C-alpha atoms as a PDB file:
ATOM      1  CA  UNK A   1       0.000   0.000   0.000  1.00  0.00           C
ATOM      2  CA  UNK A   2       1.179   3.538  -0.752  1.00  0.00           C
ATOM      3  CA  UNK A   3       1.060   5.857   2.256  1.00  0.00           C
ATOM      4  CA  UNK A   4      -0.830   9.148   2.162  1.00  0.00           C
ATOM      5  CA  UNK A   5       1.487  12.042   1.356  1.00  0.00           C
ATOM      6  CA  UNK A   6       3.686   9.953  -0.953  1.00  0.00           C
ATOM      7  CA  UNK A   7       4.584  11.562  -4.267  1.00  0.00           C
ATOM      8  CA  UNK A   8       3.922   9.267  -7.202  1.00  0.00           C
ATOM      9  CA  UNK A   9       4.336   9.378 -10.950  1.00  0.00           C
ATOM     10  CA  UNK A  10       1.566   7.985 -13.115  1.00  0.00           C
ATOM     11  CA  UNK A  11       2.996   5.455 -15.570  1.00  0.00           C
ATOM     12  CA  UNK A  12       3.494   6.962 -19.013  1.00  0.00           C
ATOM     13  CA  UNK A  13       1.961   3.947 -20.732  1.00  0.00           C
ATOM     14  CA  UNK A  14      -0.464   3.838 -23.655  1.00  0.00           C
ATOM     15  CA  UNK A  15      -1.954   0.313 -23.792  1.00  0.00           C
ATOM     16  CA  UNK A  16      -4.708   1.528 -26.111  1.00  0.00           C
ATOM     17  CA  UNK A  17      -2.069   1.757 -28.870  1.00  0.00           C
ATOM     18  CA  UNK A  18      -1.458  -2.007 -28.549  1.00  0.00           C
ATOM     19  CA  UNK A  19      -5.028  -3.160 -29.120  1.00  0.00           C
ATOM     20  CA  UNK A  20      -8.477  -3.178 -27.572  1.00  0.00           C
ATOM     21  CA  UNK A  21      -8.484  -2.226 -23.902  1.00  0.00           C
ATOM     22  CA  UNK A  22     -10.448  -0.404 -21.242  1.00  0.00           C
ATOM     23  CA  UNK A  23      -8.318   2.209 -19.475  1.00  0.00           C
ATOM     24  CA  UNK A  24      -9.588   4.214 -16.503  1.00  0.00           C
ATOM     25  CA  UNK A  25      -6.443   6.342 -16.100  1.00  0.00           C
ATOM     26  CA  UNK A  26      -6.904   9.712 -17.822  1.00  0.00           C
ATOM     27  CA  UNK A  27      -4.398  10.410 -20.573  1.00  0.00           C
ATOM     28  CA  UNK A  28      -3.658  13.914 -19.261  1.00  0.00           C
ATOM     29  CA  UNK A  29      -2.067  12.583 -16.033  1.00  0.00           C
ATOM     30  CA  UNK A  30       0.098   9.874 -17.592  1.00  0.00           C
ATOM     31  CA  UNK A  31       3.727  10.690 -16.833  1.00  0.00           C
ATOM     32  CA  UNK A  32       2.705  13.381 -14.314  1.00  0.00           C
ATOM     33  CA  UNK A  33       3.578  13.621 -10.618  1.00  0.00           C
ATOM     34  CA  UNK A  34       0.887  13.780  -7.950  1.00  0.00           C
ATOM     35  CA  UNK A  35       0.432  13.120  -4.253  1.00  0.00           C
ATOM     36  CA  UNK A  36      -1.494  10.206  -2.761  1.00  0.00           C
ATOM     37  CA  UNK A  37      -4.170  11.539  -0.421  1.00  0.00           C
ATOM     38  CA  UNK A  38      -5.765   8.266   0.674  1.00  0.00           C
ATOM     39  CA  UNK A  39      -6.182   4.573  -0.038  1.00  0.00           C
ATOM     40  CA  UNK A  40      -9.845   4.005  -0.952  1.00  0.00           C
ATOM     41  CA  UNK A  41      -9.820   0.210  -0.650  1.00  0.00           C
ATOM     42  CA  UNK A  42      -9.119  -2.718  -2.954  1.00  0.00           C
ATOM     43  CA  UNK A  43     -11.410  -3.373  -5.916  1.00  0.00           C
ATOM     44  CA  UNK A  44     -11.553  -5.736  -8.918  1.00  0.00           C
ATOM     45  CA  UNK A  45      -9.519  -4.405 -11.840  1.00  0.00           C
ATOM     46  CA  UNK A  46     -12.030  -2.710 -14.200  1.00  0.00           C
ATOM     47  CA  UNK A  47      -9.581  -3.106 -17.083  1.00  0.00           C
ATOM     48  CA  UNK A  48     -10.219  -6.877 -16.858  1.00  0.00           C
ATOM     49  CA  UNK A  49     -13.888  -6.709 -15.873  1.00  0.00           C
ATOM     50  CA  UNK A  50     -14.683  -4.763 -19.049  1.00  0.00           C
ATOM     51  CA  UNK A  51     -13.737  -7.857 -21.079  1.00  0.00           C
ATOM     52  CA  UNK A  52     -15.284 -10.444 -18.759  1.00  0.00           C
ATOM     53  CA  UNK A  53     -11.875 -11.679 -17.570  1.00  0.00           C
ATOM     54  CA  UNK A  54     -11.121 -12.721 -13.991  1.00  0.00           C
ATOM     55  CA  UNK A  55     -10.134  -9.538 -12.178  1.00  0.00           C
ATOM     56  CA  UNK A  56      -7.478  -9.252  -9.511  1.00  0.00           C
ATOM     57  CA  UNK A  57      -8.311  -6.917  -6.609  1.00  0.00           C
ATOM     58  CA  UNK A  58      -6.130  -3.806  -6.811  1.00  0.00           C
ATOM     59  CA  UNK A  59      -5.606  -0.877  -4.455  1.00  0.00           C
ATOM     60  CA  UNK A  60      -7.402   2.305  -5.498  1.00  0.00           C
ATOM     61  CA  UNK A  61      -6.099   5.734  -4.455  1.00  0.00           C
ATOM     62  CA  UNK A  62      -7.135   9.361  -4.484  1.00  0.00           C
ATOM     63  CA  UNK A  63      -4.222  11.172  -6.140  1.00  0.00           C
ATOM     64  CA  UNK A  64      -4.029  14.958  -6.134  1.00  0.00           C
ATOM     65  CA  UNK A  65      -2.417  16.942  -8.959  1.00  0.00           C
ATOM     66  CA  UNK A  66      -1.716  20.646  -9.277  1.00  0.00           C
ATOM     67  CA  UNK A  67      -3.822  22.063 -12.107  1.00  0.00           C
ATOM     68  CA  UNK A  68      -1.062  24.304 -13.458  1.00  0.00           C
ATOM     69  CA  UNK A  69       1.039  21.274 -14.346  1.00  0.00           C
ATOM     70  CA  UNK A  70      -1.719  19.730 -16.464  1.00  0.00           C
ATOM     71  CA  UNK A  71      -3.388  22.539 -18.444  1.00  0.00           C
ATOM     72  CA  UNK A  72      -4.022  26.271 -18.655  1.00  0.00           C
ATOM     73  CA  UNK A  73      -6.983  28.035 -17.097  1.00  0.00           C
ATOM     74  CA  UNK A  74      -8.443  28.211 -13.628  1.00  0.00           C
ATOM     75  CA  UNK A  75      -6.732  29.595 -10.561  1.00  0.00           C
ATOM     76  CA  UNK A  76      -3.077  28.944  -9.786  1.00  0.00           C
ATOM     77  CA  UNK A  77      -3.983  27.108  -6.558  1.00  0.00           C
ATOM     78  CA  UNK A  78      -6.555  24.758  -8.156  1.00  0.00           C
ATOM     79  CA  UNK A  79      -6.044  21.030  -7.617  1.00  0.00           C
ATOM     80  CA  UNK A  80      -7.402  18.001  -9.434  1.00  0.00           C
ATOM     81  CA  UNK A  81      -8.352  14.832  -7.537  1.00  0.00           C
ATOM     82  CA  UNK A  82      -8.417  11.558  -9.492  1.00  0.00           C
ATOM     83  CA  UNK A  83      -9.034   7.935  -8.500  1.00  0.00           C
ATOM     84  CA  UNK A  84      -6.170   5.811  -9.851  1.00  0.00           C
ATOM     85  CA  UNK A  85      -5.444   2.108  -9.383  1.00  0.00           C
ATOM     86  CA  UNK A  86      -2.109   1.137  -7.822  1.00  0.00           C
ATOM     87  CA  UNK A  87      -0.480  -0.530 -10.857  1.00  0.00           C
ATOM     88  CA  UNK A  88      -0.528   2.831 -12.646  1.00  0.00           C
ATOM     89  CA  UNK A  89       1.482   4.518  -9.876  1.00  0.00           C
ATOM     90  CA  UNK A  90       5.254   4.541  -9.535  1.00  0.00           C
ATOM     91  CA  UNK A  91       6.992   5.651  -6.358  1.00  0.00           C
ATOM     92  CA  UNK A  92      10.571   6.885  -6.242  1.00  0.00           C
ATOM     93  CA  UNK A  93      12.914   5.008  -3.940  1.00  0.00           C
END
């Protein structure tokens, strides 16, 4: 489990370029750094469920990103909160 307050990078991966898939990680945060706010629990992997495959339970996190690092507009202190499954998150050692 990733502890709250840990900085993480979202994997810069594009599985949709390799064939049919169901991805719940927004493209605009791939490769970006955010902060884990909380562990929401463990849930079946929706990327498998979408195709009727057996789904491993994966940790799901609230990850906070600074808006100014993702796109223009809004206030400088705006944040974005996204639910992201653990396999998409990389921690630095």
